[in-house]
Amino acid sequence: MTRTTRRSMMKLAGASLAAVTVPATVSAEDEETRWTVAETPIDSTLHDVTHTATNAHAVADGGLVIERTDAGWEVVLQGGPTGNGNDLFGADVTDDGERLWIVGASGAIGEYDVITGNLVDRSAPNDFTANFNDVAVTGPAGDADVYVADDSGSIHYSFENGEEGTWEYEVPGSGSGFPAIEFHDDRAGHAIDTNGKVFATDDGVTWNPIGIEDADVTFYGLDSDAADDVTVSGGNASIFEYDGSQWIPESLGDADLFDVETEGRDGYAVGGGGVIFEQEDGEWTQNATPVGENLQAVDRGSVDLAVGSGGIVLER
């Protein structure tokens, strides 16, 4: 597909902004590349999904964790880290894929060994019981740096595998909640807040705003691949791509895009009403999907996965 673009440049906080509007066309897909619905044992909303050293795992309301096995999707954890059934909103894995870190409501944090099935409760660091929306982990199993974003404007971090007494926190912005956080290197990454700000760190402690001025939409999803390779998704099917000097926004339609996952110039963005946009060589087109449920998260791997409301899992 050839895309016609209109670009206008404006200054913003050390970066420039170019506007792009993209027609929301639906790409043709053959039988081998189409999205299909996978049967799951739950009907709770799935908020995040990630591949691990064993299989893909997804986290849901009610403290549920499900795993994609050879026999299909199965529940492997119930009740969450504390056993209280707090909803789980975010998940990430250590660099070796052996530990799945999960976070959620009322300060829930857990470290799950995907090989042995052992779960360690790391909840309520420093007695914080805010809702934890997302987690980012770097380093190997048992020796990880852990970063947790909450809905009260704080980023909690531990450089000692989340051990009790090792947690500290920063409030990078105005106190607005952080829906997403992701790291691309040991202590380098990005976070987005609900006040239209993107923050960057290169030491895991100090956070500096890098935009986005005049975005005028709520941010939901984040992909951090390098200091000069960041993608943000938001309301009104908005995508913002950062190259280290400017933010380039694209309007893909009108659905809220709750998550984005890219690598190079390829990837996916997913959102309301079962919408999936695919990026190929930098061009975005809409995939046909068999569902209308809101999709909350997407992850790429040997099987690409999108998850969302009603326990829905799409596979490709």
C-alpha atoms as a PDB file:
ATOM      1  CA  MET A   1       0.000   0.000   0.000  1.00  0.00           C
ATOM      2  CA  THR A   2       1.231   3.491  -0.890  1.00  0.00           C
ATOM      3  CA  ARG A   3       0.540   6.071   1.789  1.00  0.00           C
ATOM      4  CA  THR A   4      -0.105   9.736   1.111  1.00  0.00           C
ATOM      5  CA  THR A   5       1.075  11.911   3.992  1.00  0.00           C
ATOM      6  CA  ARG A   6       0.735  15.508   5.105  1.00  0.00           C
ATOM      7  CA  ARG A   7       3.482  16.686   7.411  1.00  0.00           C
ATOM      8  CA  SER A   8       3.676  19.942   9.359  1.00  0.00           C
ATOM      9  CA  MET A   9       6.556  20.776  11.650  1.00  0.00           C
ATOM     10  CA  MET A  10       6.370  22.503  15.030  1.00  0.00           C
ATOM     11  CA  LYS A  11       8.772  22.929  17.913  1.00  0.00           C
ATOM     12  CA  LEU A  12       8.284  21.045  21.177  1.00  0.00           C
ATOM     13  CA  ALA A  13      10.461  20.561  24.255  1.00  0.00           C
ATOM     14  CA  GLY A  14      13.669  19.953  22.382  1.00  0.00           C
ATOM     15  CA  ALA A  15      11.976  17.976  19.609  1.00  0.00           C
ATOM     16  CA  SER A  16       9.860  18.719  16.568  1.00  0.00           C
ATOM     17  CA  LEU A  17       6.463  17.290  15.687  1.00  0.00           C
ATOM     18  CA  ALA A  18       5.271  16.165  12.256  1.00  0.00           C
ATOM     19  CA  ALA A  19       1.622  15.348  11.564  1.00  0.00           C
ATOM     20  CA  VAL A  20       0.609  12.372   9.435  1.00  0.00           C
ATOM     21  CA  THR A  21      -2.827  11.061   8.589  1.00  0.00           C
ATOM     22  CA  VAL A  22      -3.134   7.459   7.414  1.00  0.00           C
ATOM     23  CA  PRO A  23      -6.252   5.952   5.827  1.00  0.00           C
ATOM     24  CA  ALA A  24      -7.546   3.057   7.933  1.00  0.00           C
ATOM     25  CA  THR A  25      -7.603   0.481   5.154  1.00  0.00           C
ATOM     26  CA  VAL A  26      -7.893  -3.210   5.917  1.00  0.00           C
ATOM     27  CA  SER A  27      -5.082  -5.378   4.604  1.00  0.00           C
ATOM     28  CA  ALA A  28      -5.797  -8.591   2.746  1.00  0.00           C
ATOM     29  CA  GLU A  29      -4.670 -11.683   4.660  1.00  0.00           C
ATOM     30  CA  ASP A  30      -4.381 -15.279   3.593  1.00  0.00           C
ATOM     31  CA  GLU A  31      -5.254 -18.302   5.714  1.00  0.00           C
ATOM     32  CA  GLU A  32      -1.720 -18.651   7.099  1.00  0.00           C
ATOM     33  CA  THR A  33      -1.441 -15.079   8.379  1.00  0.00           C
ATOM     34  CA  ARG A  34      -4.926 -14.321   9.696  1.00  0.00           C
ATOM     35  CA  TRP A  35      -5.723 -13.861  13.391  1.00  0.00           C
ATOM     36  CA  THR A  36      -7.630 -16.730  15.008  1.00  0.00           C
ATOM     37  CA  VAL A  37      -9.432 -17.019  18.350  1.00  0.00           C
ATOM     38  CA  ALA A  38      -7.855 -19.350  20.909  1.00  0.00           C
ATOM     39  CA  GLU A  39      -9.991 -21.042  23.537  1.00  0.00           C
ATOM     40  CA  THR A  40      -9.189 -19.952  27.102  1.00  0.00           C
ATOM     41  CA  PRO A  41     -10.493 -21.213  30.453  1.00  0.00           C
ATOM     42  CA  ILE A  42     -11.448 -17.748  31.758  1.00  0.00           C
ATOM     43  CA  ASP A  43     -13.791 -14.901  30.878  1.00  0.00           C
ATOM     44  CA  SER A  44     -11.960 -12.232  32.889  1.00  0.00           C
ATOM     45  CA  THR A  45     -10.287  -9.334  31.088  1.00  0.00           C
ATOM     46  CA  LEU A  46      -6.697 -10.089  30.122  1.00  0.00           C
ATOM     47  CA  HIS A  47      -4.547  -6.988  30.550  1.00  0.00           C
ATOM     48  CA  ASP A  48      -1.078  -8.081  29.436  1.00  0.00           C
ATOM     49  CA  VAL A  49       0.712 -10.916  27.645  1.00  0.00           C
ATOM     50  CA  THR A  50       4.370 -11.845  27.200  1.00  0.00           C
ATOM     51  CA  HIS A  51       6.505 -14.738  25.986  1.00  0.00           C
ATOM     52  CA  THR A  52       8.774 -16.465  28.510  1.00  0.00           C
ATOM     53  CA  ALA A  53      11.472 -19.146  28.461  1.00  0.00           C
ATOM     54  CA  THR A  54       8.757 -21.799  28.502  1.00  0.00           C
ATOM     55  CA  ASN A  55       5.501 -20.501  27.000  1.00  0.00           C
ATOM     56  CA  ALA A  56       3.505 -17.320  26.637  1.00  0.00           C
ATOM     57  CA  HIS A  57       1.728 -16.086  29.780  1.00  0.00           C
ATOM     58  CA  ALA A  58      -1.102 -13.577  30.214  1.00  0.00           C
ATOM     59  CA  VAL A  59      -2.423 -11.811  33.330  1.00  0.00           C
ATOM     60  CA  ALA A  60      -6.046 -11.035  34.122  1.00  0.00           C
ATOM     61  CA  ASP A  61      -8.578  -9.663  36.564  1.00  0.00           C
ATOM     62  CA  GLY A  62      -9.050 -11.686  39.737  1.00  0.00           C
ATOM     63  CA  GLY A  63      -5.324 -12.385  40.073  1.00  0.00           C
ATOM     64  CA  LEU A  64      -5.374 -14.975  37.297  1.00  0.00           C
ATOM     65  CA  VAL A  65      -2.362 -15.975  35.205  1.00  0.00           C
ATOM     66  CA  ILE A  66      -2.831 -18.252  32.204  1.00  0.00           C
ATOM     67  CA  GLU A  67      -0.194 -20.080  30.158  1.00  0.00           C
ATOM     68  CA  ARG A  68      -0.199 -21.227  26.538  1.00  0.00           C
ATOM     69  CA  THR A  69       0.719 -24.922  26.656  1.00  0.00           C
ATOM     70  CA  ASP A  70       0.763 -27.708  24.064  1.00  0.00           C
ATOM     71  CA  ALA A  71      -2.706 -28.633  25.314  1.00  0.00           C
ATOM     72  CA  GLY A  72      -3.991 -25.054  25.018  1.00  0.00           C
ATOM     73  CA  TRP A  73      -4.322 -22.160  27.447  1.00  0.00           C
ATOM     74  CA  GLU A  74      -4.409 -23.188  31.120  1.00  0.00           C
ATOM     75  CA  VAL A  75      -4.723 -21.358  34.450  1.00  0.00           C
ATOM     76  CA  VAL A  76      -1.422 -21.597  36.330  1.00  0.00           C
ATOM     77  CA  LEU A  77      -2.001 -19.008  39.074  1.00  0.00           C
ATOM     78  CA  GLN A  78      -5.134 -17.976  40.948  1.00  0.00           C
ATOM     79  CA  GLY A  79      -5.519 -15.149  43.431  1.00  0.00           C
ATOM     80  CA  GLY A  80      -2.414 -13.226  42.429  1.00  0.00           C
ATOM     81  CA  PRO A  81       0.744 -12.704  44.524  1.00  0.00           C
ATOM     82  CA  THR A  82      -1.141 -12.116  47.796  1.00  0.00           C
ATOM     83  CA  GLY A  83      -3.890 -14.673  47.210  1.00  0.00           C
ATOM     84  CA  ASN A  84      -6.492 -11.919  47.588  1.00  0.00           C
ATOM     85  CA  GLY A  85      -7.551 -11.961  43.950  1.00  0.00           C
ATOM     86  CA  ASN A  86      -6.324  -8.453  43.152  1.00  0.00           C
ATOM     87  CA  ASP A  87      -6.626  -7.670  39.448  1.00  0.00           C
ATOM     88  CA  LEU A  88      -3.359  -8.002  37.516  1.00  0.00           C
ATOM     89  CA  PHE A  89      -2.542  -5.277  34.991  1.00  0.00           C
ATOM     90  CA  GLY A  90       1.082  -5.731  33.900  1.00  0.00           C
ATOM     91  CA  ALA A  91       3.702  -8.397  33.237  1.00  0.00           C
ATOM     92  CA  ASP A  92       7.329  -8.584  32.112  1.00  0.00           C
ATOM     93  CA  VAL A  93      10.094 -11.206  32.105  1.00  0.00           C
ATOM     94  CA  THR A  94      13.752 -11.281  33.048  1.00  0.00           C
ATOM     95  CA  ASP A  95      16.300 -11.252  30.231  1.00  0.00           C
ATOM     96  CA  ASP A  96      16.575 -15.048  30.347  1.00  0.00           C
ATOM     97  CA  GLY A  97      12.796 -15.418  30.333  1.00  0.00           C
ATOM     98  CA  GLU A  98      12.771 -17.550  33.488  1.00  0.00           C
ATOM     99  CA  ARG A  99      10.975 -15.188  35.875  1.00  0.00           C
ATOM    100  CA  LEU A 100       7.645 -13.563  35.128  1.00  0.00           C
ATOM    101  CA  TRP A 101       7.029 -10.398  37.135  1.00  0.00           C
ATOM    102  CA  ILE A 102       3.371  -9.468  37.594  1.00  0.00           C
ATOM    103  CA  VAL A 103       1.771  -6.344  39.086  1.00  0.00           C
ATOM    104  CA  GLY A 104      -1.733  -5.151  39.797  1.00  0.00           C
ATOM    105  CA  ALA A 105      -4.272  -3.556  42.095  1.00  0.00           C
ATOM    106  CA  SER A 106      -3.659  -2.656  45.750  1.00  0.00           C
ATOM    107  CA  GLY A 107       0.131  -2.876  45.485  1.00  0.00           C
ATOM    108  CA  ALA A 108       0.296  -6.420  44.107  1.00  0.00           C
ATOM    109  CA  ILE A 109       3.750  -7.498  42.885  1.00  0.00           C
ATOM    110  CA  GLY A 110       4.824 -11.072  42.273  1.00  0.00           C
ATOM    111  CA  GLU A 111       7.883 -12.912  40.958  1.00  0.00           C
ATOM    112  CA  TYR A 112       6.832 -16.174  39.281  1.00  0.00           C
ATOM    113  CA  ASP A 113       9.298 -18.887  38.258  1.00  0.00           C
ATOM    114  CA  VAL A 114       7.902 -20.174  34.957  1.00  0.00           C
ATOM    115  CA  ILE A 115      10.035 -23.335  35.165  1.00  0.00           C
ATOM    116  CA  THR A 116       9.310 -24.480  38.744  1.00  0.00           C
ATOM    117  CA  GLY A 117       5.974 -22.721  39.282  1.00  0.00           C
ATOM    118  CA  ASN A 118       7.201 -21.057  42.478  1.00  0.00           C
ATOM    119  CA  LEU A 119       5.678 -17.646  43.291  1.00  0.00           C
ATOM    120  CA  VAL A 120       7.319 -15.035  45.549  1.00  0.00           C
ATOM    121  CA  ASP A 121       5.112 -12.233  46.900  1.00  0.00           C
ATOM    122  CA  ARG A 122       6.847  -8.832  46.586  1.00  0.00           C
ATOM    123  CA  SER A 123       3.700  -6.782  47.185  1.00  0.00           C
ATOM    124  CA  ALA A 124       3.313  -3.360  48.844  1.00  0.00           C
ATOM    125  CA  PRO A 125       6.933  -2.129  48.729  1.00  0.00           C
ATOM    126  CA  ASN A 126       7.471   0.425  51.498  1.00  0.00           C
ATOM    127  CA  ASP A 127       3.776  -0.120  52.349  1.00  0.00           C
ATOM    128  CA  PHE A 128       2.614   1.403  49.048  1.00  0.00           C
ATOM    129  CA  THR A 129      -0.742  -0.058  48.049  1.00  0.00           C
ATOM    130  CA  ALA A 130      -1.544   2.040  44.995  1.00  0.00           C
ATOM    131  CA  ASN A 131      -2.681   0.299  41.839  1.00  0.00           C
ATOM    132  CA  PHE A 132       0.399  -0.838  39.924  1.00  0.00           C
ATOM    133  CA  ASN A 133      -0.291  -0.539  36.195  1.00  0.00           C
ATOM    134  CA  ASP A 134       2.854  -1.907  34.585  1.00  0.00           C
ATOM    135  CA  VAL A 135       6.258  -3.437  35.292  1.00  0.00           C
ATOM    136  CA  ALA A 136       9.609  -3.479  33.493  1.00  0.00           C
ATOM    137  CA  VAL A 137      12.416  -5.903  34.355  1.00  0.00           C
ATOM    138  CA  THR A 138      16.039  -6.071  33.220  1.00  0.00           C
ATOM    139  CA  GLY A 139      18.740  -8.580  34.104  1.00  0.00           C
ATOM    140  CA  PRO A 140      18.635 -12.326  34.810  1.00  0.00           C
ATOM    141  CA  ALA A 141      16.397 -14.364  37.081  1.00  0.00           C
ATOM    142  CA  GLY A 142      17.240 -13.765  40.750  1.00  0.00           C
ATOM    143  CA  ASP A 143      19.361 -10.683  40.023  1.00  0.00           C
ATOM    144  CA  ALA A 144      16.994  -8.309  38.267  1.00  0.00           C
ATOM    145  CA  ASP A 145      16.342  -4.588  38.299  1.00  0.00           C
ATOM    146  CA  VAL A 146      12.589  -4.080  38.681  1.00  0.00           C
ATOM    147  CA  TYR A 147      10.559  -0.961  37.848  1.00  0.00           C
ATOM    148  CA  VAL A 148       6.865  -0.573  38.670  1.00  0.00           C
ATOM    149  CA  ALA A 149       4.608   2.249  37.454  1.00  0.00           C
ATOM    150  CA  ASP A 150       1.581   3.212  39.546  1.00  0.00           C
ATOM    151  CA  ASP A 151      -1.579   5.257  39.042  1.00  0.00           C
ATOM    152  CA  SER A 152      -0.505   7.892  41.578  1.00  0.00           C
ATOM    153  CA  GLY A 153       2.416   9.276  39.564  1.00  0.00           C
ATOM    154  CA  SER A 154       5.231   7.235  41.120  1.00  0.00           C
ATOM    155  CA  ILE A 155       7.793   4.871  39.625  1.00  0.00           C
ATOM    156  CA  HIS A 156       9.026   2.329  42.166  1.00  0.00           C
ATOM    157  CA  TYR A 157      12.334   0.583  41.592  1.00  0.00           C
ATOM    158  CA  SER A 158      14.587  -2.031  43.155  1.00  0.00           C
ATOM    159  CA  PHE A 159      18.088  -2.836  41.943  1.00  0.00           C
ATOM    160  CA  GLU A 160      18.165  -5.955  44.145  1.00  0.00           C
ATOM    161  CA  ASN A 161      15.489  -8.204  42.667  1.00  0.00           C
ATOM    162  CA  GLY A 162      12.643  -6.619  44.586  1.00  0.00           C
ATOM    163  CA  GLU A 163      13.896  -7.791  47.966  1.00  0.00           C
ATOM    164  CA  GLU A 164      12.200  -6.217  50.968  1.00  0.00           C
ATOM    165  CA  GLY A 165      13.893  -2.988  52.044  1.00  0.00           C
ATOM    166  CA  THR A 166      15.491  -2.368  48.632  1.00  0.00           C
ATOM    167  CA  TRP A 167      12.656  -0.410  47.043  1.00  0.00           C
ATOM    168  CA  GLU A 168      12.760   3.330  46.345  1.00  0.00           C
ATOM    169  CA  TYR A 169      10.560   5.566  44.228  1.00  0.00           C
ATOM    170  CA  GLU A 170      10.520   8.733  42.122  1.00  0.00           C
ATOM    171  CA  VAL A 171       7.705  11.072  41.069  1.00  0.00           C
ATOM    172  CA  PRO A 172       8.907  12.263  37.637  1.00  0.00           C
ATOM    173  CA  GLY A 173       5.936  14.405  36.646  1.00  0.00           C
ATOM    174  CA  SER A 174       2.914  16.162  38.043  1.00  0.00           C
ATOM    175  CA  GLY A 175       1.444  13.180  39.886  1.00  0.00           C
ATOM    176  CA  SER A 176      -0.521  11.836  36.916  1.00  0.00           C
ATOM    177  CA  GLY A 177      -0.706   8.066  36.684  1.00  0.00           C
ATOM    178  CA  PHE A 178       1.685   5.992  34.600  1.00  0.00           C
ATOM    179  CA  PRO A 179      -0.110   3.458  32.380  1.00  0.00           C
ATOM    180  CA  ALA A 180       3.066   1.987  30.857  1.00  0.00           C
ATOM    181  CA  ILE A 181       6.801   1.611  31.428  1.00  0.00           C
ATOM    182  CA  GLU A 182       9.412  -0.235  29.366  1.00  0.00           C
ATOM    183  CA  PHE A 183      13.194  -0.553  29.328  1.00  0.00           C
ATOM    184  CA  HIS A 184      15.487  -1.171  26.355  1.00  0.00           C
ATOM    185  CA  ASP A 185      18.764  -1.503  28.296  1.00  0.00           C
ATOM    186  CA  ASP A 186      19.944  -2.309  31.822  1.00  0.00           C
ATOM    187  CA  ARG A 187      18.827   1.029  33.319  1.00  0.00           C
ATOM    188  CA  ALA A 188      17.603   2.879  30.257  1.00  0.00           C
ATOM    189  CA  GLY A 189      13.970   3.137  29.266  1.00  0.00           C
ATOM    190  CA  HIS A 190      10.806   5.189  29.014  1.00  0.00           C
ATOM    191  CA  ALA A 191       7.466   5.758  30.741  1.00  0.00           C
ATOM    192  CA  ILE A 192       4.262   7.536  29.733  1.00  0.00           C
ATOM    193  CA  ASP A 193       1.760   9.304  31.947  1.00  0.00           C
ATOM    194  CA  THR A 194      -1.893  10.240  31.541  1.00  0.00           C
ATOM    195  CA  ASN A 195      -1.022  13.930  31.209  1.00  0.00           C
ATOM    196  CA  GLY A 196       0.495  13.614  27.733  1.00  0.00           C
ATOM    197  CA  LYS A 197       4.103  13.266  28.858  1.00  0.00           C
ATOM    198  CA  VAL A 198       6.844  10.809  27.884  1.00  0.00           C
ATOM    199  CA  PHE A 199       9.785  10.418  30.260  1.00  0.00           C
ATOM    200  CA  ALA A 200      13.229   8.916  29.608  1.00  0.00           C
ATOM    201  CA  THR A 201      15.920   7.599  31.945  1.00  0.00           C
ATOM    202  CA  ASP A 202      19.459   6.330  31.397  1.00  0.00           C
ATOM    203  CA  ASP A 203      20.231   5.455  35.024  1.00  0.00           C
ATOM    204  CA  GLY A 204      16.940   3.965  36.230  1.00  0.00           C
ATOM    205  CA  VAL A 205      16.488   6.790  38.740  1.00  0.00           C
ATOM    206  CA  THR A 206      16.440  10.179  37.011  1.00  0.00           C
ATOM    207  CA  TRP A 207      13.539  10.796  34.617  1.00  0.00           C
ATOM    208  CA  ASN A 208      13.438  13.619  32.070  1.00  0.00           C
ATOM    209  CA  PRO A 209      10.463  14.666  29.900  1.00  0.00           C
ATOM    210  CA  ILE A 210      11.005  14.326  26.128  1.00  0.00           C
ATOM    211  CA  GLY A 211       7.535  15.411  24.874  1.00  0.00           C
ATOM    212  CA  ILE A 212       4.930  15.129  23.551  1.00  0.00           C
ATOM    213  CA  GLU A 213       3.625  18.681  23.168  1.00  0.00           C
ATOM    214  CA  ASP A 214       0.131  19.229  21.764  1.00  0.00           C
ATOM    215  CA  ALA A 215      -0.661  15.533  21.501  1.00  0.00           C
ATOM    216  CA  ASP A 216      -4.224  16.166  22.750  1.00  0.00           C
ATOM    217  CA  VAL A 217      -4.955  12.469  23.352  1.00  0.00           C
ATOM    218  CA  THR A 218      -4.577  10.097  26.279  1.00  0.00           C
ATOM    219  CA  PHE A 219      -1.536   7.808  26.089  1.00  0.00           C
ATOM    220  CA  TYR A 220      -2.037   4.074  26.701  1.00  0.00           C
ATOM    221  CA  GLY A 221       0.701   1.974  25.090  1.00  0.00           C
ATOM    222  CA  LEU A 222       4.494   2.205  24.931  1.00  0.00           C
ATOM    223  CA  ASP A 223       7.307   0.454  23.089  1.00  0.00           C
ATOM    224  CA  SER A 224      10.862   1.420  24.075  1.00  0.00           C
ATOM    225  CA  ASP A 225      13.527  -0.072  21.799  1.00  0.00           C
ATOM    226  CA  ALA A 226      16.306   2.541  22.139  1.00  0.00           C
ATOM    227  CA  ALA A 227      16.870   6.117  23.253  1.00  0.00           C
ATOM    228  CA  ASP A 228      16.029   7.186  19.709  1.00  0.00           C
ATOM    229  CA  ASP A 229      13.423   4.504  18.929  1.00  0.00           C
ATOM    230  CA  VAL A 230      10.216   4.947  20.938  1.00  0.00           C
ATOM    231  CA  THR A 231       6.590   4.381  19.961  1.00  0.00           C
ATOM    232  CA  VAL A 232       3.532   5.542  21.907  1.00  0.00           C
ATOM    233  CA  SER A 233      -0.105   4.654  21.205  1.00  0.00           C
ATOM    234  CA  GLY A 234      -3.179   6.503  22.413  1.00  0.00           C
ATOM    235  CA  GLY A 235      -6.691   7.735  21.873  1.00  0.00           C
ATOM    236  CA  ASN A 236      -8.186   8.354  18.439  1.00  0.00           C
ATOM    237  CA  ALA A 237      -5.985   5.594  16.984  1.00  0.00           C
ATOM    238  CA  SER A 238      -2.936   7.797  17.466  1.00  0.00           C
ATOM    239  CA  ILE A 239       0.625   6.545  17.026  1.00  0.00           C
ATOM    240  CA  PHE A 240       3.653   8.666  17.947  1.00  0.00           C
ATOM    241  CA  GLU A 241       7.145   7.612  16.833  1.00  0.00           C
ATOM    242  CA  TYR A 242      10.310   9.212  18.213  1.00  0.00           C
ATOM    243  CA  ASP A 243      13.664   9.156  16.388  1.00  0.00           C
ATOM    244  CA  GLY A 244      15.693  11.021  18.983  1.00  0.00           C
ATOM    245  CA  SER A 245      14.961  14.497  17.641  1.00  0.00           C
ATOM    246  CA  GLN A 246      11.286  14.619  16.672  1.00  0.00           C
ATOM    247  CA  TRP A 247       7.941  12.981  17.338  1.00  0.00           C
ATOM    248  CA  ILE A 248       6.016  11.892  14.255  1.00  0.00           C
ATOM    249  CA  PRO A 249       2.305  11.251  14.938  1.00  0.00           C
ATOM    250  CA  GLU A 250       0.030   9.228  12.694  1.00  0.00           C
ATOM    251  CA  SER A 251      -3.761   9.037  12.841  1.00  0.00           C
ATOM    252  CA  LEU A 252      -4.948   5.525  11.978  1.00  0.00           C
ATOM    253  CA  GLY A 253      -8.664   5.945  12.653  1.00  0.00           C
ATOM    254  CA  ASP A 254     -10.787   6.565  15.727  1.00  0.00           C
ATOM    255  CA  ALA A 255     -10.329   3.571  18.063  1.00  0.00           C
ATOM    256  CA  ASP A 256      -8.299   3.911  21.264  1.00  0.00           C
ATOM    257  CA  LEU A 257      -5.033   1.979  20.894  1.00  0.00           C
ATOM    258  CA  PHE A 258      -4.170   0.401  24.250  1.00  0.00           C
ATOM    259  CA  ASP A 259      -0.854  -1.235  23.356  1.00  0.00           C
ATOM    260  CA  VAL A 260       1.867  -1.125  20.726  1.00  0.00           C
ATOM    261  CA  GLU A 261       4.757  -3.484  19.997  1.00  0.00           C
ATOM    262  CA  THR A 262       7.308  -2.773  17.280  1.00  0.00           C
ATOM    263  CA  GLU A 263      10.733  -3.923  16.164  1.00  0.00           C
ATOM    264  CA  GLY A 264      12.498  -1.861  13.558  1.00  0.00           C
ATOM    265  CA  ARG A 265       9.768  -0.804  11.146  1.00  0.00           C
ATOM    266  CA  ASP A 266       7.417  -3.713  11.838  1.00  0.00           C
ATOM    267  CA  GLY A 267       4.892  -4.335  14.599  1.00  0.00           C
ATOM    268  CA  TYR A 268       1.332  -4.117  15.887  1.00  0.00           C
ATOM    269  CA  ALA A 269      -0.977  -1.725  17.698  1.00  0.00           C
ATOM    270  CA  VAL A 270      -4.201  -3.034  19.286  1.00  0.00           C
ATOM    271  CA  GLY A 271      -7.242  -1.424  20.822  1.00  0.00           C
ATOM    272  CA  GLY A 272     -10.953  -0.882  21.146  1.00  0.00           C
ATOM    273  CA  GLY A 273     -13.460  -2.988  19.253  1.00  0.00           C
ATOM    274  CA  GLY A 274     -10.959  -5.714  18.367  1.00  0.00           C
ATOM    275  CA  VAL A 275      -8.857  -3.359  16.241  1.00  0.00           C
ATOM    276  CA  ILE A 276      -5.371  -4.479  15.189  1.00  0.00           C
ATOM    277  CA  PHE A 277      -3.113  -2.326  13.045  1.00  0.00           C
ATOM    278  CA  GLU A 278       0.001  -3.902  11.572  1.00  0.00           C
ATOM    279  CA  GLN A 279       3.152  -2.040  10.642  1.00  0.00           C
ATOM    280  CA  GLU A 280       5.207  -3.434   7.778  1.00  0.00           C
ATOM    281  CA  ASP A 281       8.303  -1.571   6.615  1.00  0.00           C
ATOM    282  CA  GLY A 282       7.011   1.536   8.353  1.00  0.00           C
ATOM    283  CA  GLU A 283       3.526   1.453   6.791  1.00  0.00           C
ATOM    284  CA  TRP A 284       0.423   0.892   8.961  1.00  0.00           C
ATOM    285  CA  THR A 285      -2.604  -1.076   7.724  1.00  0.00           C
ATOM    286  CA  GLN A 286      -5.561  -2.557   9.579  1.00  0.00           C
ATOM    287  CA  ASN A 287      -5.793  -6.337   9.992  1.00  0.00           C
ATOM    288  CA  ALA A 288      -9.096  -8.151   9.780  1.00  0.00           C
ATOM    289  CA  THR A 289     -10.000  -9.664  13.162  1.00  0.00           C
ATOM    290  CA  PRO A 290     -12.769 -12.109  14.132  1.00  0.00           C
ATOM    291  CA  VAL A 291     -13.778 -10.345  17.371  1.00  0.00           C
ATOM    292  CA  GLY A 292     -15.208  -7.052  18.594  1.00  0.00           C
ATOM    293  CA  GLU A 293     -13.896  -7.169  22.158  1.00  0.00           C
ATOM    294  CA  ASN A 294     -11.425  -4.533  23.312  1.00  0.00           C
ATOM    295  CA  LEU A 295      -7.833  -5.707  22.949  1.00  0.00           C
ATOM    296  CA  GLN A 296      -5.583  -4.610  25.817  1.00  0.00           C
ATOM    297  CA  ALA A 297      -2.137  -5.949  24.912  1.00  0.00           C
ATOM    298  CA  VAL A 298      -0.054  -7.486  22.140  1.00  0.00           C
ATOM    299  CA  ASP A 299       3.225  -9.405  22.043  1.00  0.00           C
ATOM    300  CA  ARG A 300       5.303 -10.758  19.186  1.00  0.00           C
ATOM    301  CA  GLY A 301       7.039 -14.104  19.189  1.00  0.00           C
ATOM    302  CA  SER A 302       6.951 -17.509  17.528  1.00  0.00           C
ATOM    303  CA  VAL A 303       3.191 -16.940  17.732  1.00  0.00           C
ATOM    304  CA  ASP A 304       1.966 -13.354  17.783  1.00  0.00           C
ATOM    305  CA  LEU A 305      -0.647 -12.778  20.504  1.00  0.00           C
ATOM    306  CA  ALA A 306      -3.282 -10.180  21.331  1.00  0.00           C
ATOM    307  CA  VAL A 307      -5.405 -10.354  24.492  1.00  0.00           C
ATOM    308  CA  GLY A 308      -8.326  -8.457  25.926  1.00  0.00           C
ATOM    309  CA  SER A 309     -11.830  -8.365  27.360  1.00  0.00           C
ATOM    310  CA  GLY A 310     -13.762 -11.518  28.165  1.00  0.00           C
ATOM    311  CA  GLY A 311     -10.617 -13.652  28.293  1.00  0.00           C
ATOM    312  CA  ILE A 312     -10.152 -13.240  24.548  1.00  0.00           C
ATOM    313  CA  VAL A 313      -6.856 -14.376  22.998  1.00  0.00           C
ATOM    314  CA  LEU A 314      -6.042 -13.905  19.327  1.00  0.00           C
ATOM    315  CA  GLU A 315      -3.153 -15.826  17.803  1.00  0.00           C
ATOM    316  CA  ARG A 316      -1.271 -15.420  14.554  1.00  0.00           C
END
